[in-house]
Full PDB file with SEQRES, HELIX, SHEET, SSBOND, CRYST1, ORIGX, SCALE, CONECT and MASTER records, all heavy atoms in Angstrom:
SEQRES   1 A   42  ALA ASP THR THR GLU VAL TRP LEU LEU GLU ILE VAL SER          
SEQRES   2 A   42  LYS GLY ALA GLY GLU ARG GLY VAL VAL TRP VAL ALA ARG          
SEQRES   3 A   42  ARG ILE PRO ASP ASP SER ALA SER SER HIS ALA ASN GLN          
SEQRES   4 A   42  ALA ARG ILE                                                  
SHEET    1 AA1 2 TRP A   7  SER A  13  0                                        
SHEET    2 AA1 2 VAL A  21  ARG A  27 -1                                        
CRYST1    1.000    1.000    1.000  90.00  90.00  90.00 P 1           1          
ORIGX1      1.000000  0.000000  0.000000        0.00000                         
ORIGX2      0.000000  1.000000  0.000000        0.00000                         
ORIGX3      0.000000  0.000000  1.000000        0.00000                         
SCALE1      1.000000  0.000000  0.000000        0.00000                         
SCALE2      0.000000  1.000000  0.000000        0.00000                         
SCALE3      0.000000  0.000000  1.000000        0.00000                         
ATOM      1  N   ALA A   1     -78.899 -58.487  -3.360  1.00  0.00           N  
ATOM      2  CA  ALA A   1     -79.574 -58.558  -4.670  1.00  0.00           C  
ATOM      3  C   ALA A   1     -80.074 -59.974  -4.921  1.00  0.00           C  
ATOM      4  O   ALA A   1     -79.403 -60.947  -4.577  1.00  0.00           O  
ATOM      5  CB  ALA A   1     -78.618 -58.147  -5.787  1.00  0.00           C  
ATOM      6  N   ASP A   2     -81.254 -60.074  -5.533  1.00  0.00           N  
ATOM      7  CA  ASP A   2     -81.739 -61.335  -6.056  1.00  0.00           C  
ATOM      8  C   ASP A   2     -82.020 -61.166  -7.541  1.00  0.00           C  
ATOM      9  O   ASP A   2     -81.559 -60.222  -8.153  1.00  0.00           O  
ATOM     10  CB  ASP A   2     -82.926 -61.860  -5.247  1.00  0.00           C  
ATOM     11  CG  ASP A   2     -84.117 -60.926  -5.238  1.00  0.00           C  
ATOM     12  OD1 ASP A   2     -84.320 -60.183  -6.220  1.00  0.00           O  
ATOM     13  OD2 ASP A   2     -84.877 -60.923  -4.245  1.00  0.00           O  
ATOM     14  N   THR A   3     -82.773 -62.047  -8.134  1.00  0.00           N  
ATOM     15  CA  THR A   3     -82.977 -61.991  -9.585  1.00  0.00           C  
ATOM     16  C   THR A   3     -83.923 -60.863 -10.006  1.00  0.00           C  
ATOM     17  O   THR A   3     -84.039 -60.551 -11.190  1.00  0.00           O  
ATOM     18  CB  THR A   3     -83.517 -63.312 -10.132  1.00  0.00           C  
ATOM     19  OG1 THR A   3     -84.741 -63.629  -9.447  1.00  0.00           O  
ATOM     20  CG2 THR A   3     -82.513 -64.425  -9.876  1.00  0.00           C  
ATOM     21  N   THR A   4     -84.652 -60.260  -9.042  1.00  0.00           N  
ATOM     22  CA  THR A   4     -85.616 -59.226  -9.391  1.00  0.00           C  
ATOM     23  C   THR A   4     -85.452 -57.915  -8.656  1.00  0.00           C  
ATOM     24  O   THR A   4     -85.954 -56.891  -9.120  1.00  0.00           O  
ATOM     25  CB  THR A   4     -87.072 -59.716  -9.140  1.00  0.00           C  
ATOM     26  OG1 THR A   4     -87.226 -60.004  -7.747  1.00  0.00           O  
ATOM     27  CG2 THR A   4     -87.372 -60.965  -9.960  1.00  0.00           C  
ATOM     28  N   GLU A   5     -84.744 -57.890  -7.522  1.00  0.00           N  
ATOM     29  CA  GLU A   5     -84.638 -56.681  -6.699  1.00  0.00           C  
ATOM     30  C   GLU A   5     -83.222 -56.505  -6.162  1.00  0.00           C  
ATOM     31  O   GLU A   5     -82.503 -57.480  -5.947  1.00  0.00           O  
ATOM     32  CB  GLU A   5     -85.586 -56.730  -5.514  1.00  0.00           C  
ATOM     33  CG  GLU A   5     -87.055 -56.724  -5.869  1.00  0.00           C  
ATOM     34  CD  GLU A   5     -87.936 -56.666  -4.621  1.00  0.00           C  
ATOM     35  OE1 GLU A   5     -87.613 -57.358  -3.637  1.00  0.00           O  
ATOM     36  OE2 GLU A   5     -88.922 -55.944  -4.648  1.00  0.00           O  
ATOM     37  N   VAL A   6     -82.885 -55.254  -5.871  1.00  0.00           N  
ATOM     38  CA  VAL A   6     -81.659 -54.910  -5.151  1.00  0.00           C  
ATOM     39  C   VAL A   6     -82.033 -54.032  -3.958  1.00  0.00           C  
ATOM     40  O   VAL A   6     -82.812 -53.070  -4.113  1.00  0.00           O  
ATOM     41  CB  VAL A   6     -80.644 -54.169  -6.043  1.00  0.00           C  
ATOM     42  CG1 VAL A   6     -79.390 -53.816  -5.233  1.00  0.00           C  
ATOM     43  CG2 VAL A   6     -80.287 -55.012  -7.253  1.00  0.00           C  
ATOM     44  N   TRP A   7     -81.505 -54.349  -2.786  1.00  0.00           N  
ATOM     45  CA  TRP A   7     -81.756 -53.583  -1.565  1.00  0.00           C  
ATOM     46  C   TRP A   7     -80.462 -53.177  -0.930  1.00  0.00           C  
ATOM     47  O   TRP A   7     -79.439 -53.873  -1.022  1.00  0.00           O  
ATOM     48  CB  TRP A   7     -82.556 -54.434  -0.567  1.00  0.00           C  
ATOM     49  CG  TRP A   7     -83.988 -54.640  -0.942  1.00  0.00           C  
ATOM     50  CD1 TRP A   7     -84.478 -55.472  -1.902  1.00  0.00           C  
ATOM     51  CD2 TRP A   7     -85.113 -54.006  -0.368  1.00  0.00           C  
ATOM     52  NE1 TRP A   7     -85.842 -55.388  -1.950  1.00  0.00           N  
ATOM     53  CE2 TRP A   7     -86.277 -54.501  -1.009  1.00  0.00           C  
ATOM     54  CE3 TRP A   7     -85.278 -53.074   0.657  1.00  0.00           C  
ATOM     55  CZ2 TRP A   7     -87.561 -54.099  -0.666  1.00  0.00           C  
ATOM     56  CZ3 TRP A   7     -86.559 -52.663   1.005  1.00  0.00           C  
ATOM     57  CH2 TRP A   7     -87.686 -53.164   0.326  1.00  0.00           C  
ATOM     58  N   LEU A   8     -80.483 -52.035  -0.232  1.00  0.00           N  
ATOM     59  CA  LEU A   8     -79.382 -51.592   0.601  1.00  0.00           C  
ATOM     60  C   LEU A   8     -79.887 -51.630   2.037  1.00  0.00           C  
ATOM     61  O   LEU A   8     -80.844 -50.927   2.382  1.00  0.00           O  
ATOM     62  CB  LEU A   8     -78.930 -50.183   0.233  1.00  0.00           C  
ATOM     63  CG  LEU A   8     -77.804 -49.595   1.110  1.00  0.00           C  
ATOM     64  CD1 LEU A   8     -76.525 -50.409   0.945  1.00  0.00           C  
ATOM     65  CD2 LEU A   8     -77.549 -48.139   0.744  1.00  0.00           C  
ATOM     66  N   LEU A   9     -79.265 -52.477   2.854  1.00  0.00           N  
ATOM     67  CA  LEU A   9     -79.608 -52.638   4.257  1.00  0.00           C  
ATOM     68  C   LEU A   9     -78.516 -52.035   5.110  1.00  0.00           C  
ATOM     69  O   LEU A   9     -77.334 -52.288   4.890  1.00  0.00           O  
ATOM     70  CB  LEU A   9     -79.736 -54.142   4.595  1.00  0.00           C  
ATOM     71  CG  LEU A   9     -79.772 -54.533   6.062  1.00  0.00           C  
ATOM     72  CD1 LEU A   9     -81.047 -54.028   6.754  1.00  0.00           C  
ATOM     73  CD2 LEU A   9     -79.641 -56.040   6.223  1.00  0.00           C  
ATOM     74  N   GLU A  10     -78.894 -51.189   6.081  1.00  0.00           N  
ATOM     75  CA  GLU A  10     -77.927 -50.624   7.000  1.00  0.00           C  
ATOM     76  C   GLU A  10     -78.299 -51.039   8.431  1.00  0.00           C  
ATOM     77  O   GLU A  10     -79.440 -50.903   8.853  1.00  0.00           O  
ATOM     78  CB  GLU A  10     -77.843 -49.112   6.832  1.00  0.00           C  
ATOM     79  CG  GLU A  10     -77.318 -48.802   5.441  1.00  0.00           C  
ATOM     80  CD  GLU A  10     -76.902 -47.377   5.210  1.00  0.00           C  
ATOM     81  OE1 GLU A  10     -77.510 -46.453   5.773  1.00  0.00           O  
ATOM     82  OE2 GLU A  10     -75.944 -47.198   4.442  1.00  0.00           O  
ATOM     83  N   ILE A  11     -77.281 -51.577   9.133  1.00  0.00           N  
ATOM     84  CA  ILE A  11     -77.499 -52.060  10.485  1.00  0.00           C  
ATOM     85  C   ILE A  11     -76.451 -51.450  11.398  1.00  0.00           C  
ATOM     86  O   ILE A  11     -75.326 -51.180  10.999  1.00  0.00           O  
ATOM     87  CB  ILE A  11     -77.422 -53.607  10.578  1.00  0.00           C  
ATOM     88  CG1 ILE A  11     -76.019 -54.132  10.204  1.00  0.00           C  
ATOM     89  CG2 ILE A  11     -78.477 -54.247   9.675  1.00  0.00           C  
ATOM     90  CD1 ILE A  11     -75.858 -55.636  10.389  1.00  0.00           C  
ATOM     91  N   VAL A  12     -76.837 -51.256  12.652  1.00  0.00           N  
ATOM     92  CA  VAL A  12     -75.877 -50.806  13.663  1.00  0.00           C  
ATOM     93  C   VAL A  12     -76.252 -51.473  14.992  1.00  0.00           C  
ATOM     94  O   VAL A  12     -77.429 -51.664  15.293  1.00  0.00           O  
ATOM     95  CB  VAL A  12     -75.865 -49.253  13.789  1.00  0.00           C  
ATOM     96  CG1 VAL A  12     -77.147 -48.726  14.341  1.00  0.00           C  
ATOM     97  CG2 VAL A  12     -74.670 -48.794  14.618  1.00  0.00           C  
ATOM     98  N   SER A  13     -75.233 -51.865  15.719  1.00  0.00           N  
ATOM     99  CA  SER A  13     -75.443 -52.538  17.016  1.00  0.00           C  
ATOM    100  C   SER A  13     -76.188 -51.654  17.988  1.00  0.00           C  
ATOM    101  O   SER A  13     -76.060 -50.406  17.956  1.00  0.00           O  
ATOM    102  CB  SER A  13     -74.049 -52.884  17.599  1.00  0.00           C  
ATOM    103  OG  SER A  13     -74.160 -53.297  18.941  1.00  0.00           O  
ATOM    104  N   LYS A  14     -76.946 -52.272  18.857  1.00  0.00           N  
ATOM    105  CA  LYS A  14     -77.601 -51.543  19.956  1.00  0.00           C  
ATOM    106  C   LYS A  14     -76.648 -51.286  21.121  1.00  0.00           C  
ATOM    107  O   LYS A  14     -77.018 -50.587  22.057  1.00  0.00           O  
ATOM    108  CB  LYS A  14     -78.831 -52.304  20.437  1.00  0.00           C  
ATOM    109  CG  LYS A  14     -79.979 -52.290  19.447  1.00  0.00           C  
ATOM    110  CD  LYS A  14     -81.196 -52.994  20.033  1.00  0.00           C  
ATOM    111  CE  LYS A  14     -82.416 -52.817  19.159  1.00  0.00           C  
ATOM    112  NZ  LYS A  14     -83.606 -53.492  19.741  1.00  0.00           N  
ATOM    113  N   GLY A  15     -75.457 -51.879  21.100  1.00  0.00           N  
ATOM    114  CA  GLY A  15     -74.445 -51.601  22.126  1.00  0.00           C  
ATOM    115  C   GLY A  15     -74.478 -52.549  23.283  1.00  0.00           C  
ATOM    116  O   GLY A  15     -75.284 -53.490  23.336  1.00  0.00           O  
ATOM    117  N   ALA A  16     -73.573 -52.320  24.215  1.00  0.00           N  
ATOM    118  CA  ALA A  16     -73.417 -53.174  25.382  1.00  0.00           C  
ATOM    119  C   ALA A  16     -74.697 -53.227  26.204  1.00  0.00           C  
ATOM    120  O   ALA A  16     -75.396 -52.210  26.360  1.00  0.00           O  
ATOM    121  CB  ALA A  16     -72.252 -52.657  26.246  1.00  0.00           C  
ATOM    122  N   GLY A  17     -75.015 -54.396  26.698  1.00  0.00           N  
ATOM    123  CA  GLY A  17     -76.204 -54.573  27.498  1.00  0.00           C  
ATOM    124  C   GLY A  17     -77.489 -54.713  26.713  1.00  0.00           C  
ATOM    125  O   GLY A  17     -78.561 -54.817  27.279  1.00  0.00           O  
ATOM    126  N   GLU A  18     -77.379 -54.664  25.394  1.00  0.00           N  
ATOM    127  CA  GLU A  18     -78.530 -54.797  24.504  1.00  0.00           C  
ATOM    128  C   GLU A  18     -78.363 -56.036  23.634  1.00  0.00           C  
ATOM    129  O   GLU A  18     -77.279 -56.615  23.583  1.00  0.00           O  
ATOM    130  CB  GLU A  18     -78.685 -53.559  23.606  1.00  0.00           C  
ATOM    131  CG  GLU A  18     -78.778 -52.245  24.358  1.00  0.00           C  
ATOM    132  CD  GLU A  18     -80.217 -51.852  24.695  1.00  0.00           C  
ATOM    133  OE1 GLU A  18     -81.139 -52.581  24.290  1.00  0.00           O  
ATOM    134  OE2 GLU A  18     -80.388 -50.832  25.363  1.00  0.00           O  
ATOM    135  N   ARG A  19     -79.398 -56.401  22.909  1.00  0.00           N  
ATOM    136  CA  ARG A  19     -79.303 -57.533  21.997  1.00  0.00           C  
ATOM    137  C   ARG A  19     -79.825 -57.118  20.634  1.00  0.00           C  
ATOM    138  O   ARG A  19     -80.899 -56.506  20.546  1.00  0.00           O  
ATOM    139  CB  ARG A  19     -80.113 -58.721  22.541  1.00  0.00           C  
ATOM    140  CG  ARG A  19     -80.175 -59.984  21.679  1.00  0.00           C  
ATOM    141  CD  ARG A  19     -78.793 -60.605  21.461  1.00  0.00           C  
ATOM    142  NE  ARG A  19     -78.139 -61.024  22.647  1.00  0.00           N  
ATOM    143  CZ  ARG A  19     -78.163 -62.282  23.116  1.00  0.00           C  
ATOM    144  NH1 ARG A  19     -78.829 -63.226  22.506  1.00  0.00           N  
ATOM    145  NH2 ARG A  19     -77.498 -62.584  24.204  1.00  0.00           N  
ATOM    146  N   GLY A  20     -79.092 -57.417  19.571  1.00  0.00           N  
ATOM    147  CA  GLY A  20     -79.544 -57.167  18.218  1.00  0.00           C  
ATOM    148  C   GLY A  20     -79.118 -55.807  17.673  1.00  0.00           C  
ATOM    149  O   GLY A  20     -78.200 -55.150  18.187  1.00  0.00           O  
ATOM    150  N   VAL A  21     -79.822 -55.406  16.617  1.00  0.00           N  
ATOM    151  CA  VAL A  21     -79.475 -54.204  15.875  1.00  0.00           C  
ATOM    152  C   VAL A  21     -80.696 -53.353  15.598  1.00  0.00           C  
ATOM    153  O   VAL A  21     -81.818 -53.827  15.689  1.00  0.00           O  
ATOM    154  CB  VAL A  21     -78.797 -54.546  14.533  1.00  0.00           C  
ATOM    155  CG1 VAL A  21     -77.451 -55.228  14.737  1.00  0.00           C  
ATOM    156  CG2 VAL A  21     -79.718 -55.412  13.653  1.00  0.00           C  
ATOM    157  N   VAL A  22     -80.464 -52.084  15.275  1.00  0.00           N  
ATOM    158  CA  VAL A  22     -81.483 -51.256  14.637  1.00  0.00           C  
ATOM    159  C   VAL A  22     -81.068 -51.169  13.161  1.00  0.00           C  
ATOM    160  O   VAL A  22     -79.887 -51.226  12.840  1.00  0.00           O  
ATOM    161  CB  VAL A  22     -81.616 -49.864  15.265  1.00  0.00           C  
ATOM    162  CG1 VAL A  22     -82.323 -49.988  16.622  1.00  0.00           C  
ATOM    163  CG2 VAL A  22     -80.287 -49.163  15.459  1.00  0.00           C  
ATOM    164  N   TRP A  23     -82.064 -51.041  12.289  1.00  0.00           N  
ATOM    165  CA  TRP A  23     -81.745 -51.113  10.873  1.00  0.00           C  
ATOM    166  C   TRP A  23     -82.852 -50.487  10.018  1.00  0.00           C  
ATOM    167  O   TRP A  23     -83.981 -50.283  10.484  1.00  0.00           O  
ATOM    168  CB  TRP A  23     -81.545 -52.565  10.441  1.00  0.00           C  
ATOM    169  CG  TRP A  23     -82.741 -53.465  10.671  1.00  0.00           C  
ATOM    170  CD1 TRP A  23     -83.027 -54.152  11.822  1.00  0.00           C  
ATOM    171  CD2 TRP A  23     -83.800 -53.756   9.763  1.00  0.00           C  
ATOM    172  NE1 TRP A  23     -84.202 -54.862  11.670  1.00  0.00           N  
ATOM    173  CE2 TRP A  23     -84.705 -54.634  10.408  1.00  0.00           C  
ATOM    174  CE3 TRP A  23     -84.083 -53.370   8.447  1.00  0.00           C  
ATOM    175  CZ2 TRP A  23     -85.853 -55.134   9.787  1.00  0.00           C  
ATOM    176  CZ3 TRP A  23     -85.233 -53.847   7.820  1.00  0.00           C  
ATOM    177  CH2 TRP A  23     -86.085 -54.734   8.505  1.00  0.00           C  
ATOM    178  N   VAL A  24     -82.449 -50.162   8.796  1.00  0.00           N  
ATOM    179  CA  VAL A  24     -83.401 -49.700   7.773  1.00  0.00           C  
ATOM    180  C   VAL A  24     -82.858 -50.219   6.444  1.00  0.00           C  
ATOM    181  O   VAL A  24     -81.643 -50.342   6.253  1.00  0.00           O  
ATOM    182  CB  VAL A  24     -83.595 -48.181   7.788  1.00  0.00           C  
ATOM    183  CG1 VAL A  24     -82.313 -47.447   7.482  1.00  0.00           C  
ATOM    184  CG2 VAL A  24     -84.709 -47.751   6.849  1.00  0.00           C  
ATOM    185  N   ALA A  25     -83.763 -50.514   5.511  1.00  0.00           N  
ATOM    186  CA  ALA A  25     -83.387 -51.002   4.186  1.00  0.00           C  
ATOM    187  C   ALA A  25     -84.189 -50.263   3.139  1.00  0.00           C  
ATOM    188  O   ALA A  25     -85.358 -49.964   3.339  1.00  0.00           O  
ATOM    189  CB  ALA A  25     -83.619 -52.502   4.054  1.00  0.00           C  
ATOM    190  N   ARG A  26     -83.520 -49.921   2.032  1.00  0.00           N  
ATOM    191  CA  ARG A  26     -84.176 -49.248   0.918  1.00  0.00           C  
ATOM    192  C   ARG A  26     -84.013 -50.102  -0.347  1.00  0.00           C  
ATOM    193  O   ARG A  26     -82.912 -50.576  -0.615  1.00  0.00           O  
ATOM    194  CB  ARG A  26     -83.563 -47.884   0.647  1.00  0.00           C  
ATOM    195  CG  ARG A  26     -83.814 -46.807   1.688  1.00  0.00           C  
ATOM    196  CD  ARG A  26     -85.236 -46.314   1.757  1.00  0.00           C  
ATOM    197  NE  ARG A  26     -85.796 -45.858   0.513  1.00  0.00           N  
ATOM    198  CZ  ARG A  26     -85.749 -44.621   0.043  1.00  0.00           C  
ATOM    199  NH1 ARG A  26     -85.152 -43.676   0.751  1.00  0.00           N  
ATOM    200  NH2 ARG A  26     -86.310 -44.310  -1.108  1.00  0.00           N  
ATOM    201  N   ARG A  27     -85.104 -50.244  -1.111  1.00  0.00           N  
ATOM    202  CA  ARG A  27     -85.009 -50.908  -2.385  1.00  0.00           C  
ATOM    203  C   ARG A  27     -84.453 -49.920  -3.423  1.00  0.00           C  
ATOM    204  O   ARG A  27     -84.912 -48.769  -3.489  1.00  0.00           O  
ATOM    205  CB  ARG A  27     -86.380 -51.414  -2.854  1.00  0.00           C  
ATOM    206  CG  ARG A  27     -86.311 -52.275  -4.113  1.00  0.00           C  
ATOM    207  CD  ARG A  27     -87.654 -52.848  -4.484  1.00  0.00           C  
ATOM    208  NE  ARG A  27     -88.588 -51.817  -4.927  1.00  0.00           N  
ATOM    209  CZ  ARG A  27     -88.587 -51.314  -6.172  1.00  0.00           C  
ATOM    210  NH1 ARG A  27     -87.704 -51.717  -7.071  1.00  0.00           N  
ATOM    211  NH2 ARG A  27     -89.476 -50.404  -6.513  1.00  0.00           N  
ATOM    212  N   ILE A  28     -83.480 -50.346  -4.189  1.00  0.00           N  
ATOM    213  CA  ILE A  28     -82.934 -49.505  -5.249  1.00  0.00           C  
ATOM    214  C   ILE A  28     -83.905 -49.565  -6.419  1.00  0.00           C  
ATOM    215  O   ILE A  28     -84.205 -50.645  -6.923  1.00  0.00           O  
ATOM    216  CB  ILE A  28     -81.540 -49.995  -5.680  1.00  0.00           C  
ATOM    217  CG1 ILE A  28     -80.604 -50.140  -4.484  1.00  0.00           C  
ATOM    218  CG2 ILE A  28     -80.966 -49.049  -6.738  1.00  0.00           C  
ATOM    219  CD1 ILE A  28     -80.402 -48.905  -3.655  1.00  0.00           C  
ATOM    220  N   PRO A  29     -84.425 -48.426  -6.883  1.00  0.00           N  
ATOM    221  CA  PRO A  29     -85.378 -48.443  -8.013  1.00  0.00           C  
ATOM    222  C   PRO A  29     -84.775 -49.129  -9.224  1.00  0.00           C  
ATOM    223  O   PRO A  29     -83.555 -49.072  -9.444  1.00  0.00           O  
ATOM    224  CB  PRO A  29     -85.654 -46.958  -8.269  1.00  0.00           C  
ATOM    225  CG  PRO A  29     -85.380 -46.301  -6.955  1.00  0.00           C  
ATOM    226  CD  PRO A  29     -84.242 -47.062  -6.351  1.00  0.00           C  
ATOM    227  N   ASP A  30     -85.635 -49.749 -10.025  1.00  0.00           N  
ATOM    228  CA  ASP A  30     -85.175 -50.530 -11.172  1.00  0.00           C  
ATOM    229  C   ASP A  30     -84.386 -49.692 -12.191  1.00  0.00           C  
ATOM    230  O   ASP A  30     -83.554 -50.240 -12.903  1.00  0.00           O  
ATOM    231  CB  ASP A  30     -86.343 -51.204 -11.883  1.00  0.00           C  
ATOM    232  CG  ASP A  30     -87.028 -52.244 -11.008  1.00  0.00           C  
ATOM    233  OD1 ASP A  30     -86.375 -52.706 -10.034  1.00  0.00           O  
ATOM    234  OD2 ASP A  30     -88.174 -52.619 -11.292  1.00  0.00           O  
ATOM    235  N   ASP A  31     -84.639 -48.392 -12.261  1.00  0.00           N  
ATOM    236  CA  ASP A  31     -83.929 -47.567 -13.238  1.00  0.00           C  
ATOM    237  C   ASP A  31     -82.740 -46.830 -12.613  1.00  0.00           C  
ATOM    238  O   ASP A  31     -82.272 -45.834 -13.164  1.00  0.00           O  
ATOM    239  CB  ASP A  31     -84.894 -46.536 -13.857  1.00  0.00           C  
ATOM    240  CG  ASP A  31     -85.485 -45.583 -12.828  1.00  0.00           C  
ATOM    241  OD1 ASP A  31     -85.227 -45.779 -11.607  1.00  0.00           O  
ATOM    242  OD2 ASP A  31     -86.181 -44.626 -13.223  1.00  0.00           O  
ATOM    243  N   SER A  32     -82.259 -47.324 -11.482  1.00  0.00           N  
ATOM    244  CA  SER A  32     -81.226 -46.587 -10.728  1.00  0.00           C  
ATOM    245  C   SER A  32     -80.055 -47.490 -10.387  1.00  0.00           C  
ATOM    246  O   SER A  32     -80.125 -48.709 -10.482  1.00  0.00           O  
ATOM    247  CB  SER A  32     -81.809 -46.020  -9.439  1.00  0.00           C  
ATOM    248  OG  SER A  32     -82.882 -45.166  -9.716  1.00  0.00           O  
ATOM    249  N   ALA A  33     -78.963 -46.852  -9.989  1.00  0.00           N  
ATOM    250  CA  ALA A  33     -77.801 -47.532  -9.462  1.00  0.00           C  
ATOM    251  C   ALA A  33     -77.445 -46.897  -8.129  1.00  0.00           C  
ATOM    252  O   ALA A  33     -77.841 -45.781  -7.846  1.00  0.00           O  
ATOM    253  CB  ALA A  33     -76.614 -47.407 -10.435  1.00  0.00           C  
ATOM    254  N   SER A  34     -76.720 -47.620  -7.294  1.00  0.00           N  
ATOM    255  CA  SER A  34     -76.292 -47.091  -6.002  1.00  0.00           C  
ATOM    256  C   SER A  34     -74.871 -47.547  -5.714  1.00  0.00           C  
ATOM    257  O   SER A  34     -74.446 -48.630  -6.155  1.00  0.00           O  
ATOM    258  CB  SER A  34     -77.249 -47.581  -4.905  1.00  0.00           C  
ATOM    259  OG  SER A  34     -76.813 -47.108  -3.650  1.00  0.00           O  
ATOM    260  N   SER A  35     -74.151 -46.727  -4.994  1.00  0.00           N  
ATOM    261  CA  SER A  35     -72.823 -47.103  -4.549  1.00  0.00           C  
ATOM    262  C   SER A  35     -72.769 -46.878  -3.027  1.00  0.00           C  
ATOM    263  O   SER A  35     -73.567 -46.143  -2.481  1.00  0.00           O  
ATOM    264  CB  SER A  35     -71.748 -46.278  -5.230  1.00  0.00           C  
ATOM    265  OG  SER A  35     -71.889 -44.911  -4.882  1.00  0.00           O  
ATOM    266  N   HIS A  36     -71.835 -47.542  -2.406  1.00  0.00           N  
ATOM    267  CA  HIS A  36     -71.598 -47.256  -0.992  1.00  0.00           C  
ATOM    268  C   HIS A  36     -70.116 -47.413  -0.672  1.00  0.00           C  
ATOM    269  O   HIS A  36     -69.434 -48.229  -1.319  1.00  0.00           O  
ATOM    270  CB  HIS A  36     -72.473 -48.113  -0.052  1.00  0.00           C  
ATOM    271  CG  HIS A  36     -72.282 -49.591  -0.180  1.00  0.00           C  
ATOM    272  ND1 HIS A  36     -73.184 -50.493   0.310  1.00  0.00           N  
ATOM    273  CD2 HIS A  36     -71.294 -50.342  -0.683  1.00  0.00           C  
ATOM    274  CE1 HIS A  36     -72.770 -51.722   0.109  1.00  0.00           C  
ATOM    275  NE2 HIS A  36     -71.625 -51.650  -0.490  1.00  0.00           N  
ATOM    276  N   ALA A  37     -69.618 -46.641   0.264  1.00  0.00           N  
ATOM    277  CA  ALA A  37     -68.198 -46.705   0.604  1.00  0.00           C  
ATOM    278  C   ALA A  37     -67.966 -46.140   2.003  1.00  0.00           C  
ATOM    279  O   ALA A  37     -67.740 -44.958   2.169  1.00  0.00           O  
ATOM    280  CB  ALA A  37     -67.383 -45.942  -0.415  1.00  0.00           C  
ATOM    281  N   ASN A  38     -68.076 -47.028   3.001  1.00  0.00           N  
ATOM    282  CA  ASN A  38     -67.706 -46.705   4.348  1.00  0.00           C  
ATOM    283  C   ASN A  38     -68.414 -45.498   4.957  1.00  0.00           C  
ATOM    284  O   ASN A  38     -67.841 -44.733   5.738  1.00  0.00           O  
ATOM    285  CB  ASN A  38     -66.182 -46.532   4.462  1.00  0.00           C  
ATOM    286  CG  ASN A  38     -65.454 -47.760   3.948  1.00  0.00           C  
ATOM    287  OD1 ASN A  38     -64.889 -47.759   2.867  1.00  0.00           O  
ATOM    288  ND2 ASN A  38     -65.494 -48.838   4.694  1.00  0.00           N  
ATOM    289  N   GLN A  39     -69.683 -45.334   4.613  1.00  0.00           N  
ATOM    290  CA  GLN A  39     -70.503 -44.310   5.238  1.00  0.00           C  
ATOM    291  C   GLN A  39     -71.951 -44.773   5.129  1.00  0.00           C  
ATOM    292  O   GLN A  39     -72.382 -45.232   4.072  1.00  0.00           O  
ATOM    293  CB  GLN A  39     -70.347 -42.963   4.528  1.00  0.00           C  
ATOM    294  CG  GLN A  39     -71.341 -41.893   4.958  1.00  0.00           C  
ATOM    295  CD  GLN A  39     -71.222 -41.547   6.418  1.00  0.00           C  
ATOM    296  OE1 GLN A  39     -70.123 -41.458   6.944  1.00  0.00           O  
ATOM    297  NE2 GLN A  39     -72.354 -41.365   7.083  1.00  0.00           N  
ATOM    298  N   ALA A  40     -72.699 -44.662   6.224  1.00  0.00           N  
ATOM    299  CA  ALA A  40     -74.122 -44.978   6.154  1.00  0.00           C  
ATOM    300  C   ALA A  40     -74.773 -44.046   5.127  1.00  0.00           C  
ATOM    301  O   ALA A  40     -74.500 -42.859   5.084  1.00  0.00           O  
ATOM    302  CB  ALA A  40     -74.768 -44.800   7.536  1.00  0.00           C  
ATOM    303  N   ARG A  41     -75.655 -44.590   4.299  1.00  0.00           N  
ATOM    304  CA  ARG A  41     -76.219 -43.842   3.183  1.00  0.00           C  
ATOM    305  C   ARG A  41     -77.687 -43.447   3.384  1.00  0.00           C  
ATOM    306  O   ARG A  41     -78.166 -42.499   2.813  1.00  0.00           O  
ATOM    307  CB  ARG A  41     -76.140 -44.676   1.903  1.00  0.00           C  
ATOM    308  CG  ARG A  41     -74.729 -45.046   1.479  1.00  0.00           C  
ATOM    309  CD  ARG A  41     -73.900 -43.839   1.112  1.00  0.00           C  
ATOM    310  NE  ARG A  41     -74.568 -43.015   0.120  1.00  0.00           N  
ATOM    311  CZ  ARG A  41     -74.617 -43.275  -1.181  1.00  0.00           C  
ATOM    312  NH1 ARG A  41     -74.036 -44.323  -1.663  1.00  0.00           N  
ATOM    313  NH2 ARG A  41     -75.234 -42.447  -1.995  1.00  0.00           N  
ATOM    314  N   ILE A  42     -78.427 -44.246   4.155  1.00  0.00           N  
ATOM    315  CA  ILE A  42     -79.862 -44.035   4.255  1.00  0.00           C  
ATOM    316  C   ILE A  42     -80.179 -42.953   5.275  1.00  0.00           C  
ATOM    317  O   ILE A  42     -79.798 -43.053   6.433  1.00  0.00           O  
ATOM    318  CB  ILE A  42     -80.595 -45.341   4.593  1.00  0.00           C  
ATOM    319  CG1 ILE A  42     -80.323 -46.395   3.512  1.00  0.00           C  
ATOM    320  CG2 ILE A  42     -82.099 -45.097   4.735  1.00  0.00           C  
ATOM    321  CD1 ILE A  42     -80.872 -47.764   3.830  1.00  0.00           C  
TER     322      ILE A  42                                                      
MASTER        0    0    0    0    2    0    0    6  321    1    0    4          
END                                                                             
């Protein structure tokens, strides 16, 4: 979160023999709330 936006970013390793992650991020709409708890949401 910053002063104007909130984002949910999900990342997962590419695994052994690879470098980096695959990922996706969603902006939380201004009139919404989001929760997360030990499960990928996107």
